[in-house]
Amino acid sequence: MPEPFTDFIISILGEELGLVGVLVVVSIFVFLILRIYLIGIRAKDAFGSLLCIGIATMLLVQGFINLGGVIGLLPITGVTFPFISYGGSSTLVLTISIGLVLNVSATEKINQQKRIAEKRN
């Protein structure tokens, strides 16, 4: 492995945890992406919706490219696997992105509570 802790972290997880470990990690990753898409779909604000869908798509493409490179379907490009691979700037950008998604989700919940309170009054 040229860079086992960056590009090939999934293969190292497969070596250490086996197929079940890799499936758990990929399942959690897919669940995260689906939840971000759901937040984007439910958002009433167009900007928040597009922001969430864009972040989910960014995570999906980044994970797909990394997994494709590890299993040999795609060329190795140096793209890290989100939140698991070693990479400071990648982790920073992904953390900020998840913070933006959480902000959209919290804003939608606050607005929904306001609409419910207005209907009662």
PDB file of N, CA and C in Angstrom:
ATOM      1  N   MET A   1       0.834  -1.181   0.000  1.00  0.00           N
ATOM      2  CA  MET A   1       0.000   0.000   0.000  1.00  0.00           C
ATOM      3  C   MET A   1       0.882   1.248   0.000  1.00  0.00           C
ATOM      4  N   PRO A   2       0.671   2.138  -0.954  1.00  0.00           N
ATOM      5  CA  PRO A   2       1.490   3.347  -0.992  1.00  0.00           C
ATOM      6  C   PRO A   2       1.239   4.275   0.201  1.00  0.00           C
ATOM      7  N   GLU A   3      -0.016   4.590   0.496  1.00  0.00           N
ATOM      8  CA  GLU A   3      -0.377   5.456   1.619  1.00  0.00           C
ATOM      9  C   GLU A   3      -1.560   4.822   2.335  1.00  0.00           C
ATOM     10  N   PRO A   4      -1.314   3.869   3.224  1.00  0.00           N
ATOM     11  CA  PRO A   4      -2.424   3.108   3.811  1.00  0.00           C
ATOM     12  C   PRO A   4      -3.352   3.936   4.690  1.00  0.00           C
ATOM     13  N   PHE A   5      -2.870   5.008   5.308  1.00  0.00           N
ATOM     14  CA  PHE A   5      -3.709   5.771   6.214  1.00  0.00           C
ATOM     15  C   PHE A   5      -4.463   6.893   5.515  1.00  0.00           C
ATOM     16  N   THR A   6      -4.247   7.096   4.227  1.00  0.00           N
ATOM     17  CA  THR A   6      -4.967   8.150   3.504  1.00  0.00           C
ATOM     18  C   THR A   6      -5.868   7.548   2.429  1.00  0.00           C
ATOM     19  N   ASP A   7      -5.288   7.135   1.313  1.00  0.00           N
ATOM     20  CA  ASP A   7      -6.087   6.678   0.176  1.00  0.00           C
ATOM     21  C   ASP A   7      -6.715   5.310   0.399  1.00  0.00           C
ATOM     22  N   PHE A   8      -6.069   4.449   1.122  1.00  0.00           N
ATOM     23  CA  PHE A   8      -6.505   3.066   1.239  1.00  0.00           C
ATOM     24  C   PHE A   8      -6.984   2.723   2.647  1.00  0.00           C
ATOM     25  N   ILE A   9      -7.651   3.652   3.303  1.00  0.00           N
ATOM     26  CA  ILE A   9      -8.107   3.393   4.665  1.00  0.00           C
ATOM     27  C   ILE A   9      -9.164   2.298   4.696  1.00  0.00           C
ATOM     28  N   ILE A  10      -9.975   2.185   3.656  1.00  0.00           N
ATOM     29  CA  ILE A  10     -11.005   1.147   3.623  1.00  0.00           C
ATOM     30  C   ILE A  10     -10.366  -0.242   3.521  1.00  0.00           C
ATOM     31  N   SER A  11      -9.292  -0.351   2.766  1.00  0.00           N
ATOM     32  CA  SER A  11      -8.624  -1.656   2.686  1.00  0.00           C
ATOM     33  C   SER A  11      -7.988  -2.029   4.027  1.00  0.00           C
ATOM     34  N   ILE A  12      -7.485  -1.047   4.746  1.00  0.00           N
ATOM     35  CA  ILE A  12      -6.925  -1.312   6.074  1.00  0.00           C
ATOM     36  C   ILE A  12      -8.048  -1.716   7.036  1.00  0.00           C
ATOM     37  N   LEU A  13      -9.208  -1.042   6.942  1.00  0.00           N
ATOM     38  CA  LEU A  13     -10.353  -1.437   7.766  1.00  0.00           C
ATOM     39  C   LEU A  13     -10.785  -2.864   7.434  1.00  0.00           C
ATOM     40  N   GLY A  14     -10.770  -3.207   6.152  1.00  0.00           N
ATOM     41  CA  GLY A  14     -11.114  -4.561   5.748  1.00  0.00           C
ATOM     42  C   GLY A  14     -10.136  -5.584   6.290  1.00  0.00           C
ATOM     43  N   GLU A  15      -8.873  -5.217   6.337  1.00  0.00           N
ATOM     44  CA  GLU A  15      -7.852  -6.125   6.865  1.00  0.00           C
ATOM     45  C   GLU A  15      -8.015  -6.311   8.372  1.00  0.00           C
ATOM     46  N   GLU A  16      -8.317  -5.228   9.074  1.00  0.00           N
ATOM     47  CA  GLU A  16      -8.394  -5.291  10.533  1.00  0.00           C
ATOM     48  C   GLU A  16      -9.755  -5.761  11.040  1.00  0.00           C
ATOM     49  N   LEU A  17     -10.847  -5.313  10.396  1.00  0.00           N
ATOM     50  CA  LEU A  17     -12.190  -5.594  10.899  1.00  0.00           C
ATOM     51  C   LEU A  17     -12.960  -6.604  10.067  1.00  0.00           C
ATOM     52  N   GLY A  18     -12.469  -6.904   8.880  1.00  0.00           N
ATOM     53  CA  GLY A  18     -13.147  -7.870   8.019  1.00  0.00           C
ATOM     54  C   GLY A  18     -14.295  -7.238   7.239  1.00  0.00           C
ATOM     55  N   LEU A  19     -15.011  -8.091   6.562  1.00  0.00           N
ATOM     56  CA  LEU A  19     -16.115  -7.632   5.718  1.00  0.00           C
ATOM     57  C   LEU A  19     -17.210  -6.962   6.535  1.00  0.00           C
ATOM     58  N   VAL A  20     -17.487  -7.501   7.712  1.00  0.00           N
ATOM     59  CA  VAL A  20     -18.543  -6.928   8.552  1.00  0.00           C
ATOM     60  C   VAL A  20     -18.186  -5.501   8.962  1.00  0.00           C
ATOM     61  N   GLY A  21     -16.949  -5.256   9.324  1.00  0.00           N
ATOM     62  CA  GLY A  21     -16.517  -3.913   9.705  1.00  0.00           C
ATOM     63  C   GLY A  21     -16.636  -2.918   8.568  1.00  0.00           C
ATOM     64  N   VAL A  22     -16.234  -3.333   7.373  1.00  0.00           N
ATOM     65  CA  VAL A  22     -16.334  -2.448   6.208  1.00  0.00           C
ATOM     66  C   VAL A  22     -17.793  -2.174   5.886  1.00  0.00           C
ATOM     67  N   LEU A  23     -18.624  -3.204   5.958  1.00  0.00           N
ATOM     68  CA  LEU A  23     -20.049  -3.004   5.686  1.00  0.00           C
ATOM     69  C   LEU A  23     -20.700  -2.077   6.703  1.00  0.00           C
ATOM     70  N   VAL A  24     -20.289  -2.164   7.960  1.00  0.00           N
ATOM     71  CA  VAL A  24     -20.824  -1.263   8.980  1.00  0.00           C
ATOM     72  C   VAL A  24     -20.413   0.174   8.683  1.00  0.00           C
ATOM     73  N   VAL A  25     -19.151   0.392   8.366  1.00  0.00           N
ATOM     74  CA  VAL A  25     -18.662   1.742   8.074  1.00  0.00           C
ATOM     75  C   VAL A  25     -19.363   2.308   6.841  1.00  0.00           C
ATOM     76  N   VAL A  26     -19.474   1.528   5.793  1.00  0.00           N
ATOM     77  CA  VAL A  26     -20.124   2.006   4.575  1.00  0.00           C
ATOM     78  C   VAL A  26     -21.621   2.234   4.815  1.00  0.00           C
ATOM     79  N   SER A  27     -22.248   1.389   5.631  1.00  0.00           N
ATOM     80  CA  SER A  27     -23.668   1.563   5.941  1.00  0.00           C
ATOM     81  C   SER A  27     -23.906   2.855   6.721  1.00  0.00           C
ATOM     82  N   ILE A  28     -23.065   3.143   7.680  1.00  0.00           N
ATOM     83  CA  ILE A  28     -23.185   4.400   8.433  1.00  0.00           C
ATOM     84  C   ILE A  28     -22.973   5.588   7.508  1.00  0.00           C
ATOM     85  N   PHE A  29     -22.021   5.476   6.601  1.00  0.00           N
ATOM     86  CA  PHE A  29     -21.751   6.545   5.645  1.00  0.00           C
ATOM     87  C   PHE A  29     -22.950   6.775   4.718  1.00  0.00           C
ATOM     88  N   VAL A  30     -23.546   5.702   4.223  1.00  0.00           N
ATOM     89  CA  VAL A  30     -24.722   5.820   3.350  1.00  0.00           C
ATOM     90  C   VAL A  30     -25.894   6.397   4.128  1.00  0.00           C
ATOM     91  N   PHE A  31     -26.074   5.976   5.378  1.00  0.00           N
ATOM     92  CA  PHE A  31     -27.142   6.516   6.216  1.00  0.00           C
ATOM     93  C   PHE A  31     -26.967   8.017   6.413  1.00  0.00           C
ATOM     94  N   LEU A  32     -25.735   8.467   6.655  1.00  0.00           N
ATOM     95  CA  LEU A  32     -25.458   9.892   6.809  1.00  0.00           C
ATOM     96  C   LEU A  32     -25.833  10.658   5.548  1.00  0.00           C
ATOM     97  N   ILE A  33     -25.457  10.138   4.400  1.00  0.00           N
ATOM     98  CA  ILE A  33     -25.771  10.809   3.134  1.00  0.00           C
ATOM     99  C   ILE A  33     -27.279  10.869   2.923  1.00  0.00           C
ATOM    100  N   LEU A  34     -27.983   9.778   3.193  1.00  0.00           N
ATOM    101  CA  LEU A  34     -29.435   9.769   3.011  1.00  0.00           C
ATOM    102  C   LEU A  34     -30.128  10.749   3.953  1.00  0.00           C
ATOM    103  N   ARG A  35     -29.648  10.860   5.183  1.00  0.00           N
ATOM    104  CA  ARG A  35     -30.236  11.819   6.122  1.00  0.00           C
ATOM    105  C   ARG A  35     -29.998  13.255   5.658  1.00  0.00           C
ATOM    106  N   ILE A  36     -28.833  13.542   5.106  1.00  0.00           N
ATOM    107  CA  ILE A  36     -28.565  14.894   4.615  1.00  0.00           C
ATOM    108  C   ILE A  36     -29.464  15.201   3.424  1.00  0.00           C
ATOM    109  N   TYR A  37     -29.670  14.227   2.528  1.00  0.00           N
ATOM    110  CA  TYR A  37     -30.606  14.425   1.429  1.00  0.00           C
ATOM    111  C   TYR A  37     -32.015  14.680   1.963  1.00  0.00           C
ATOM    112  N   LEU A  38     -32.431  13.968   2.983  1.00  0.00           N
ATOM    113  CA  LEU A  38     -33.755  14.143   3.554  1.00  0.00           C
ATOM    114  C   LEU A  38     -33.914  15.537   4.158  1.00  0.00           C
ATOM    115  N   ILE A  39     -32.894  16.017   4.844  1.00  0.00           N
ATOM    116  CA  ILE A  39     -32.930  17.375   5.387  1.00  0.00           C
ATOM    117  C   ILE A  39     -33.051  18.381   4.253  1.00  0.00           C
ATOM    118  N   GLY A  40     -32.312  18.158   3.173  1.00  0.00           N
ATOM    119  CA  GLY A  40     -32.389  19.058   2.023  1.00  0.00           C
ATOM    120  C   GLY A  40     -33.743  19.041   1.352  1.00  0.00           C
ATOM    121  N   ILE A  41     -34.362  17.883   1.276  1.00  0.00           N
ATOM    122  CA  ILE A  41     -35.679  17.782   0.644  1.00  0.00           C
ATOM    123  C   ILE A  41     -36.744  18.459   1.503  1.00  0.00           C
ATOM    124  N   ARG A  42     -36.645  18.320   2.820  1.00  0.00           N
ATOM    125  CA  ARG A  42     -37.644  18.894   3.720  1.00  0.00           C
ATOM    126  C   ARG A  42     -37.472  20.385   3.948  1.00  0.00           C
ATOM    127  N   ALA A  43     -36.322  20.928   3.610  1.00  0.00           N
ATOM    128  CA  ALA A  43     -36.074  22.352   3.846  1.00  0.00           C
ATOM    129  C   ALA A  43     -36.988  23.209   2.975  1.00  0.00           C
ATOM    130  N   LYS A  44     -37.621  24.202   3.593  1.00  0.00           N
ATOM    131  CA  LYS A  44     -38.509  25.111   2.856  1.00  0.00           C
ATOM    132  C   LYS A  44     -37.719  26.190   2.121  1.00  0.00           C
ATOM    133  N   ASP A  45     -36.568  26.534   2.670  1.00  0.00           N
ATOM    134  CA  ASP A  45     -35.705  27.556   2.079  1.00  0.00           C
ATOM    135  C   ASP A  45     -34.933  26.956   0.912  1.00  0.00           C
ATOM    136  N   ALA A  46     -34.949  27.630  -0.228  1.00  0.00           N
ATOM    137  CA  ALA A  46     -34.264  27.108  -1.421  1.00  0.00           C
ATOM    138  C   ALA A  46     -32.751  27.021  -1.204  1.00  0.00           C
ATOM    139  N   PHE A  47     -32.182  28.026  -0.545  1.00  0.00           N
ATOM    140  CA  PHE A  47     -30.736  28.000  -0.312  1.00  0.00           C
ATOM    141  C   PHE A  47     -30.346  26.838   0.591  1.00  0.00           C
ATOM    142  N   GLY A  48     -31.075  26.639   1.675  1.00  0.00           N
ATOM    143  CA  GLY A  48     -30.781  25.531   2.581  1.00  0.00           C
ATOM    144  C   GLY A  48     -30.938  24.187   1.906  1.00  0.00           C
ATOM    145  N   SER A  49     -31.958  24.074   1.074  1.00  0.00           N
ATOM    146  CA  SER A  49     -32.183  22.822   0.356  1.00  0.00           C
ATOM    147  C   SER A  49     -31.033  22.526  -0.602  1.00  0.00           C
ATOM    148  N   LEU A  50     -30.656  23.505  -1.385  1.00  0.00           N
ATOM    149  CA  LEU A  50     -29.554  23.309  -2.329  1.00  0.00           C
ATOM    150  C   LEU A  50     -28.224  23.069  -1.609  1.00  0.00           C
ATOM    151  N   LEU A  51     -28.033  23.731  -0.483  1.00  0.00           N
ATOM    152  CA  LEU A  51     -26.810  23.539   0.291  1.00  0.00           C
ATOM    153  C   LEU A  51     -26.703  22.099   0.790  1.00  0.00           C
ATOM    154  N   CYS A  52     -27.793  21.578   1.349  1.00  0.00           N
ATOM    155  CA  CYS A  52     -27.777  20.203   1.867  1.00  0.00           C
ATOM    156  C   CYS A  52     -27.607  19.186   0.738  1.00  0.00           C
ATOM    157  N   ILE A  53     -28.303  19.384  -0.353  1.00  0.00           N
ATOM    158  CA  ILE A  53     -28.181  18.451  -1.470  1.00  0.00           C
ATOM    159  C   ILE A  53     -26.770  18.490  -2.054  1.00  0.00           C
ATOM    160  N   GLY A  54     -26.175  19.668  -2.117  1.00  0.00           N
ATOM    161  CA  GLY A  54     -24.802  19.789  -2.611  1.00  0.00           C
ATOM    162  C   GLY A  54     -23.797  19.119  -1.695  1.00  0.00           C
ATOM    163  N   ILE A  55     -23.967  19.278  -0.387  1.00  0.00           N
ATOM    164  CA  ILE A  55     -23.047  18.648   0.564  1.00  0.00           C
ATOM    165  C   ILE A  55     -23.185  17.139   0.520  1.00  0.00           C
ATOM    166  N   ALA A  56     -24.427  16.646   0.444  1.00  0.00           N
ATOM    167  CA  ALA A  56     -24.634  15.191   0.362  1.00  0.00           C
ATOM    168  C   ALA A  56     -24.031  14.633  -0.918  1.00  0.00           C
ATOM    169  N   THR A  57     -24.176  15.357  -2.011  1.00  0.00           N
ATOM    170  CA  THR A  57     -23.601  14.906  -3.277  1.00  0.00           C
ATOM    171  C   THR A  57     -22.073  14.929  -3.218  1.00  0.00           C
ATOM    172  N   MET A  58     -21.515  15.945  -2.565  1.00  0.00           N
ATOM    173  CA  MET A  58     -20.058  16.009  -2.403  1.00  0.00           C
ATOM    174  C   MET A  58     -19.556  14.788  -1.628  1.00  0.00           C
ATOM    175  N   LEU A  59     -20.243  14.449  -0.536  1.00  0.00           N
ATOM    176  CA  LEU A  59     -19.853  13.273   0.243  1.00  0.00           C
ATOM    177  C   LEU A  59     -20.010  11.995  -0.568  1.00  0.00           C
ATOM    178  N   LEU A  60     -21.101  11.893  -1.320  1.00  0.00           N
ATOM    179  CA  LEU A  60     -21.354  10.703  -2.125  1.00  0.00           C
ATOM    180  C   LEU A  60     -20.272  10.512  -3.187  1.00  0.00           C
ATOM    181  N   VAL A  61     -19.940  11.567  -3.890  1.00  0.00           N
ATOM    182  CA  VAL A  61     -18.924  11.470  -4.941  1.00  0.00           C
ATOM    183  C   VAL A  61     -17.557  11.157  -4.341  1.00  0.00           C
ATOM    184  N   GLN A  62     -17.226  11.808  -3.243  1.00  0.00           N
ATOM    185  CA  GLN A  62     -15.930  11.571  -2.611  1.00  0.00           C
ATOM    186  C   GLN A  62     -15.818  10.129  -2.125  1.00  0.00           C
ATOM    187  N   GLY A  63     -16.864   9.615  -1.504  1.00  0.00           N
ATOM    188  CA  GLY A  63     -16.843   8.227  -1.053  1.00  0.00           C
ATOM    189  C   GLY A  63     -16.814   7.243  -2.205  1.00  0.00           C
ATOM    190  N   PHE A  64     -17.581   7.535  -3.270  1.00  0.00           N
ATOM    191  CA  PHE A  64     -17.616   6.654  -4.435  1.00  0.00           C
ATOM    192  C   PHE A  64     -16.258   6.591  -5.127  1.00  0.00           C
ATOM    193  N   ILE A  65     -15.606   7.728  -5.273  1.00  0.00           N
ATOM    194  CA  ILE A  65     -14.286   7.755  -5.919  1.00  0.00           C
ATOM    195  C   ILE A  65     -13.271   6.987  -5.078  1.00  0.00           C
ATOM    196  N   ASN A  66     -13.313   7.178  -3.761  1.00  0.00           N
ATOM    197  CA  ASN A  66     -12.366   6.467  -2.905  1.00  0.00           C
ATOM    198  C   ASN A  66     -12.618   4.970  -2.923  1.00  0.00           C
ATOM    199  N   LEU A  67     -13.862   4.549  -2.772  1.00  0.00           N
ATOM    200  CA  LEU A  67     -14.171   3.114  -2.797  1.00  0.00           C
ATOM    201  C   LEU A  67     -13.870   2.503  -4.164  1.00  0.00           C
ATOM    202  N   GLY A  68     -14.165   3.235  -5.222  1.00  0.00           N
ATOM    203  CA  GLY A  68     -13.853   2.743  -6.566  1.00  0.00           C
ATOM    204  C   GLY A  68     -12.363   2.571  -6.785  1.00  0.00           C
ATOM    205  N   GLY A  69     -11.561   3.476  -6.221  1.00  0.00           N
ATOM    206  CA  GLY A  69     -10.110   3.352  -6.337  1.00  0.00           C
ATOM    207  C   GLY A  69      -9.568   2.190  -5.526  1.00  0.00           C
ATOM    208  N   VAL A  70     -10.156   1.959  -4.358  1.00  0.00           N
ATOM    209  CA  VAL A  70      -9.683   0.875  -3.499  1.00  0.00           C
ATOM    210  C   VAL A  70      -9.985  -0.492  -4.118  1.00  0.00           C
ATOM    211  N   ILE A  71     -11.169  -0.651  -4.715  1.00  0.00           N
ATOM    212  CA  ILE A  71     -11.507  -1.958  -5.278  1.00  0.00           C
ATOM    213  C   ILE A  71     -11.042  -2.117  -6.721  1.00  0.00           C
ATOM    214  N   GLY A  72     -10.455  -1.078  -7.282  1.00  0.00           N
ATOM    215  CA  GLY A  72      -9.837  -1.196  -8.594  1.00  0.00           C
ATOM    216  C   GLY A  72     -10.715  -0.820  -9.775  1.00  0.00           C
ATOM    217  N   LEU A  73     -11.893  -0.263  -9.532  1.00  0.00           N
ATOM    218  CA  LEU A  73     -12.762   0.143 -10.637  1.00  0.00           C
ATOM    219  C   LEU A  73     -12.400   1.509 -11.203  1.00  0.00           C
ATOM    220  N   LEU A  74     -11.839   2.369 -10.375  1.00  0.00           N
ATOM    221  CA  LEU A  74     -11.460   3.720 -10.785  1.00  0.00           C
ATOM    222  C   LEU A  74      -9.972   3.931 -10.519  1.00  0.00           C
ATOM    223  N   PRO A  75      -9.363   4.872 -11.213  1.00  0.00           N
ATOM    224  CA  PRO A  75      -7.952   5.155 -10.914  1.00  0.00           C
ATOM    225  C   PRO A  75      -7.823   5.824  -9.547  1.00  0.00           C
ATOM    226  N   ILE A  76      -6.675   5.656  -8.950  1.00  0.00           N
ATOM    227  CA  ILE A  76      -6.425   6.228  -7.641  1.00  0.00           C
ATOM    228  C   ILE A  76      -6.127   7.702  -7.820  1.00  0.00           C
ATOM    229  N   THR A  77      -6.964   8.546  -7.173  1.00  0.00           N
ATOM    230  CA  THR A  77      -6.858   9.986  -7.381  1.00  0.00           C
ATOM    231  C   THR A  77      -6.357  10.739  -6.169  1.00  0.00           C
ATOM    232  N   GLY A  78      -6.255  10.100  -5.031  1.00  0.00           N
ATOM    233  CA  GLY A  78      -5.818  10.790  -3.826  1.00  0.00           C
ATOM    234  C   GLY A  78      -6.957  11.384  -3.034  1.00  0.00           C
ATOM    235  N   VAL A  79      -8.200  11.054  -3.380  1.00  0.00           N
ATOM    236  CA  VAL A  79      -9.354  11.542  -2.644  1.00  0.00           C
ATOM    237  C   VAL A  79      -9.491  10.726  -1.361  1.00  0.00           C
ATOM    238  N   THR A  80      -9.636  11.413  -0.255  1.00  0.00           N
ATOM    239  CA  THR A  80      -9.756  10.731   1.031  1.00  0.00           C
ATOM    240  C   THR A  80     -11.172  10.231   1.243  1.00  0.00           C
ATOM    241  N   PHE A  81     -11.310   9.185   2.068  1.00  0.00           N
ATOM    242  CA  PHE A  81     -12.643   8.724   2.439  1.00  0.00           C
ATOM    243  C   PHE A  81     -13.141   9.632   3.551  1.00  0.00           C
ATOM    244  N   PRO A  82     -14.340  10.204   3.397  1.00  0.00           N
ATOM    245  CA  PRO A  82     -14.805  11.228   4.344  1.00  0.00           C
ATOM    246  C   PRO A  82     -14.825  10.760   5.788  1.00  0.00           C
ATOM    247  N   PHE A  83     -14.267  11.600   6.658  1.00  0.00           N
ATOM    248  CA  PHE A  83     -14.240  11.452   8.111  1.00  0.00           C
ATOM    249  C   PHE A  83     -13.376  10.307   8.624  1.00  0.00           C
ATOM    250  N   ILE A  84     -12.809   9.490   7.774  1.00  0.00           N
ATOM    251  CA  ILE A  84     -12.028   8.351   8.247  1.00  0.00           C
ATOM    252  C   ILE A  84     -10.566   8.487   7.844  1.00  0.00           C
ATOM    253  N   SER A  85     -10.308   8.882   6.611  1.00  0.00           N
ATOM    254  CA  SER A  85      -8.933   9.003   6.137  1.00  0.00           C
ATOM    255  C   SER A  85      -8.218  10.166   6.811  1.00  0.00           C
ATOM    256  N   TYR A  86      -6.913  10.045   6.861  1.00  0.00           N
ATOM    257  CA  TYR A  86      -6.072  11.084   7.424  1.00  0.00           C
ATOM    258  C   TYR A  86      -5.963  12.225   6.420  1.00  0.00           C
ATOM    259  N   GLY A  87      -6.309  13.399   6.830  1.00  0.00           N
ATOM    260  CA  GLY A  87      -6.207  14.575   5.975  1.00  0.00           C
ATOM    261  C   GLY A  87      -6.796  15.763   6.700  1.00  0.00           C
ATOM    262  N   GLY A  88      -5.986  16.733   7.031  1.00  0.00           N
ATOM    263  CA  GLY A  88      -6.441  17.857   7.842  1.00  0.00           C
ATOM    264  C   GLY A  88      -7.436  18.757   7.147  1.00  0.00           C
ATOM    265  N   SER A  89      -7.127  19.175   5.925  1.00  0.00           N
ATOM    266  CA  SER A  89      -8.022  20.098   5.226  1.00  0.00           C
ATOM    267  C   SER A  89      -9.321  19.408   4.830  1.00  0.00           C
ATOM    268  N   SER A  90      -9.263  18.145   4.466  1.00  0.00           N
ATOM    269  CA  SER A  90     -10.469  17.403   4.125  1.00  0.00           C
ATOM    270  C   SER A  90     -11.384  17.278   5.340  1.00  0.00           C
ATOM    271  N   THR A  91     -10.825  16.935   6.471  1.00  0.00           N
ATOM    272  CA  THR A  91     -11.612  16.802   7.693  1.00  0.00           C
ATOM    273  C   THR A  91     -12.209  18.144   8.109  1.00  0.00           C
ATOM    274  N   LEU A  92     -11.446  19.214   7.966  1.00  0.00           N
ATOM    275  CA  LEU A  92     -11.935  20.542   8.319  1.00  0.00           C
ATOM    276  C   LEU A  92     -13.116  20.941   7.438  1.00  0.00           C
ATOM    277  N   VAL A  93     -12.996  20.758   6.135  1.00  0.00           N
ATOM    278  CA  VAL A  93     -14.072  21.113   5.213  1.00  0.00           C
ATOM    279  C   VAL A  93     -15.309  20.259   5.469  1.00  0.00           C
ATOM    280  N   LEU A  94     -15.134  18.971   5.717  1.00  0.00           N
ATOM    281  CA  LEU A  94     -16.273  18.099   5.976  1.00  0.00           C
ATOM    282  C   LEU A  94     -16.954  18.440   7.297  1.00  0.00           C
ATOM    283  N   THR A  95     -16.196  18.804   8.299  1.00  0.00           N
ATOM    284  CA  THR A  95     -16.770  19.190   9.576  1.00  0.00           C
ATOM    285  C   THR A  95     -17.575  20.475   9.447  1.00  0.00           C
ATOM    286  N   ILE A  96     -17.058  21.445   8.725  1.00  0.00           N
ATOM    287  CA  ILE A  96     -17.793  22.692   8.479  1.00  0.00           C
ATOM    288  C   ILE A  96     -19.056  22.400   7.671  1.00  0.00           C
ATOM    289  N   SER A  97     -18.965  21.504   6.709  1.00  0.00           N
ATOM    290  CA  SER A  97     -20.128  21.146   5.894  1.00  0.00           C
ATOM    291  C   SER A  97     -21.230  20.515   6.740  1.00  0.00           C
ATOM    292  N   ILE A  98     -20.866  19.614   7.629  1.00  0.00           N
ATOM    293  CA  ILE A  98     -21.860  18.992   8.505  1.00  0.00           C
ATOM    294  C   ILE A  98     -22.447  20.038   9.455  1.00  0.00           C
ATOM    295  N   GLY A  99     -21.650  20.990   9.889  1.00  0.00           N
ATOM    296  CA  GLY A  99     -22.166  22.091  10.708  1.00  0.00           C
ATOM    297  C   GLY A  99     -23.208  22.911   9.961  1.00  0.00           C
ATOM    298  N   LEU A 100     -22.977  23.158   8.671  1.00  0.00           N
ATOM    299  CA  LEU A 100     -23.962  23.882   7.862  1.00  0.00           C
ATOM    300  C   LEU A 100     -25.255  23.088   7.719  1.00  0.00           C
ATOM    301  N   VAL A 101     -25.137  21.776   7.535  1.00  0.00           N
ATOM    302  CA  VAL A 101     -26.325  20.924   7.440  1.00  0.00           C
ATOM    303  C   VAL A 101     -27.099  20.961   8.756  1.00  0.00           C
ATOM    304  N   LEU A 102     -26.398  20.883   9.873  1.00  0.00           N
ATOM    305  CA  LEU A 102     -27.067  20.946  11.172  1.00  0.00           C
ATOM    306  C   LEU A 102     -27.746  22.288  11.376  1.00  0.00           C
ATOM    307  N   ASN A 103     -27.149  23.360  10.877  1.00  0.00           N
ATOM    308  CA  ASN A 103     -27.765  24.686  10.976  1.00  0.00           C
ATOM    309  C   ASN A 103     -29.062  24.734  10.168  1.00  0.00           C
ATOM    310  N   VAL A 104     -29.054  24.173   8.965  1.00  0.00           N
ATOM    311  CA  VAL A 104     -30.274  24.137   8.149  1.00  0.00           C
ATOM    312  C   VAL A 104     -31.347  23.324   8.856  1.00  0.00           C
ATOM    313  N   SER A 105     -30.972  22.186   9.426  1.00  0.00           N
ATOM    314  CA  SER A 105     -31.930  21.338  10.127  1.00  0.00           C
ATOM    315  C   SER A 105     -32.512  22.048  11.344  1.00  0.00           C
ATOM    316  N   ALA A 106     -31.675  22.698  12.132  1.00  0.00           N
ATOM    317  CA  ALA A 106     -32.154  23.408  13.323  1.00  0.00           C
ATOM    318  C   ALA A 106     -33.057  24.575  12.940  1.00  0.00           C
ATOM    319  N   THR A 107     -32.701  25.302  11.906  1.00  0.00           N
ATOM    320  CA  THR A 107     -33.530  26.422  11.447  1.00  0.00           C
ATOM    321  C   THR A 107     -34.890  25.939  10.986  1.00  0.00           C
ATOM    322  N   GLU A 108     -34.925  24.814  10.288  1.00  0.00           N
ATOM    323  CA  GLU A 108     -36.204  24.261   9.844  1.00  0.00           C
ATOM    324  C   GLU A 108     -37.062  23.827  11.021  1.00  0.00           C
ATOM    325  N   LYS A 109     -36.451  23.244  12.037  1.00  0.00           N
ATOM    326  CA  LYS A 109     -37.220  22.835  13.212  1.00  0.00           C
ATOM    327  C   LYS A 109     -37.778  24.035  13.957  1.00  0.00           C
ATOM    328  N   ILE A 110     -36.992  25.099  14.081  1.00  0.00           N
ATOM    329  CA  ILE A 110     -37.462  26.321  14.747  1.00  0.00           C
ATOM    330  C   ILE A 110     -38.614  26.933  13.955  1.00  0.00           C
ATOM    331  N   ASN A 111     -38.460  27.013  12.640  1.00  0.00           N
ATOM    332  CA  ASN A 111     -39.528  27.572  11.810  1.00  0.00           C
ATOM    333  C   ASN A 111     -40.790  26.719  11.869  1.00  0.00           C
ATOM    334  N   GLN A 112     -40.644  25.418  11.930  1.00  0.00           N
ATOM    335  CA  GLN A 112     -41.805  24.535  12.028  1.00  0.00           C
ATOM    336  C   GLN A 112     -42.523  24.744  13.363  1.00  0.00           C
ATOM    337  N   GLN A 113     -41.780  24.907  14.439  1.00  0.00           N
ATOM    338  CA  GLN A 113     -42.394  25.158  15.734  1.00  0.00           C
ATOM    339  C   GLN A 113     -43.116  26.500  15.750  1.00  0.00           C
ATOM    340  N   LYS A 114     -42.553  27.501  15.077  1.00  0.00           N
ATOM    341  CA  LYS A 114     -43.207  28.807  14.989  1.00  0.00           C
ATOM    342  C   LYS A 114     -44.516  28.697  14.216  1.00  0.00           C
ATOM    343  N   ARG A 115     -44.511  27.924  13.123  1.00  0.00           N
ATOM    344  CA  ARG A 115     -45.740  27.765  12.334  1.00  0.00           C
ATOM    345  C   ARG A 115     -46.820  27.040  13.133  1.00  0.00           C
ATOM    346  N   ILE A 116     -46.428  26.061  13.926  1.00  0.00           N
ATOM    347  CA  ILE A 116     -47.389  25.338  14.762  1.00  0.00           C
ATOM    348  C   ILE A 116     -47.949  26.270  15.833  1.00  0.00           C
ATOM    349  N   ALA A 117     -47.090  27.092  16.442  1.00  0.00           N
ATOM    350  CA  ALA A 117     -47.546  28.026  17.467  1.00  0.00           C
ATOM    351  C   ALA A 117     -48.486  29.083  16.877  1.00  0.00           C
ATOM    352  N   GLU A 118     -48.236  29.541  15.664  1.00  0.00           N
ATOM    353  CA  GLU A 118     -49.101  30.526  15.015  1.00  0.00           C
ATOM    354  C   GLU A 118     -50.464  29.935  14.691  1.00  0.00           C
ATOM    355  N   LYS A 119     -50.500  28.668  14.330  1.00  0.00           N
ATOM    356  CA  LYS A 119     -51.787  28.015  14.021  1.00  0.00           C
ATOM    357  C   LYS A 119     -52.632  27.874  15.281  1.00  0.00           C
ATOM    358  N   ARG A 120     -52.000  27.668  16.439  1.00  0.00           N
ATOM    359  CA  ARG A 120     -52.732  27.537  17.695  1.00  0.00           C
ATOM    360  C   ARG A 120     -53.321  28.857  18.136  1.00  0.00           C
ATOM    361  N   ASN A 121     -52.644  29.937  17.829  1.00  0.00           N
ATOM    362  CA  ASN A 121     -53.118  31.264  18.281  1.00  0.00           C
ATOM    363  C   ASN A 121     -54.058  31.818  17.313  1.00  0.00           C
TER     364      ASN A 121
END
